[in-house]
Amino acid sequence: MPQSRMPPRDALVEHCLELLAPCGAVSAQRMFGGHGLRIDGVFMALIAFERLYLKVDAQTRPRFEAAGCEAFVYEAKGKRVSLGYWTAPPQALESPDDMRPWARLALEAALRARSQPARRRAPGRSEKMPHAPASKR
């Protein structure tokens, strides 16, 4: 029986896995044309449109804004939608040591979001990732 071979992972995915590895058990999963990243089973980042986006919340957003990061925003049905993920600062993509504080912020935001009661979605509302963020159109 021939052994199936998985295609090689994207170089950016591999790079991000290396950057995040010191923070815990890191994994990537394909989703909606991109990848979702988890540390110790906690979904805390995504890779979409050749960019790494880290989870933010009201407590961590000011740090990302001050670093000049950009929100993951897309347009759906004529409205701008934000998923609560922001790009990592460019310097954080240089080494695991530079990424560590940003990954911790993302992990903390993801853990806080996990502890919040699940909010109800409107009937028929999908959680699918769009084709491209509005900032890329």
Foldseek 3Di string as FASTA:
>chain_A
DDDDDDDDDDPLVVLVCQLCVVVADKDWDDAQQWIFIDHPRQGFWIADPNFIWGAADPVCVVVCVVLVWAFQWADDPRDIDTDRITTDRPVSSVHSVSVVVVNVNSRVNSVVVVPDPDDDDDPPDDPHDDPGHPVVD
